[in-house]
Amino acid sequence: MLRFARTLRKDPTPPERALWQRLRRRQLAGFKFRRQHSVGPYICDFACLEASVVVELDGSQHVEQSNYDTRRDAFLRARGFRVLRFWNNDVLVRTEVVLETIYEALRRPEMDGRFD
């Protein structure tokens, strides 16, 4: 699992790369994010452990794997994480809105769900 996470970190998708440039080095309100972080049997795109927030970026394949994503999100929530999902295109086109949504989730523990 750790080896696979390292591979994913070395070859990020363009949306992952773009978002990481804005989350790394505590740029978002001083919160530390990890990328391709393992939680149980899953690798999360981004995780802020201090705020228990997971950020997932979804491409078109996620339309076909919604049952998998539902189980995965339930697993993460059962371990105390809030899960935010964004479409890849929104990360690239509406970056500031995505960042604001993440920021609000970091500040407000009750926020959870898919950004549409």
Foldseek 3Di string as FASTA:
>chain_A
DVVVLVVCVVDDDVLLVLVCVCPDPCNQVNFHKDAQPDDPPGTAGIARVVQQETEHEDEPVCVVVVVVVVVVCVVSVVVPHAYEYEYSVCCVPVVVVVSVLVSVCSVDVVDHDYDD
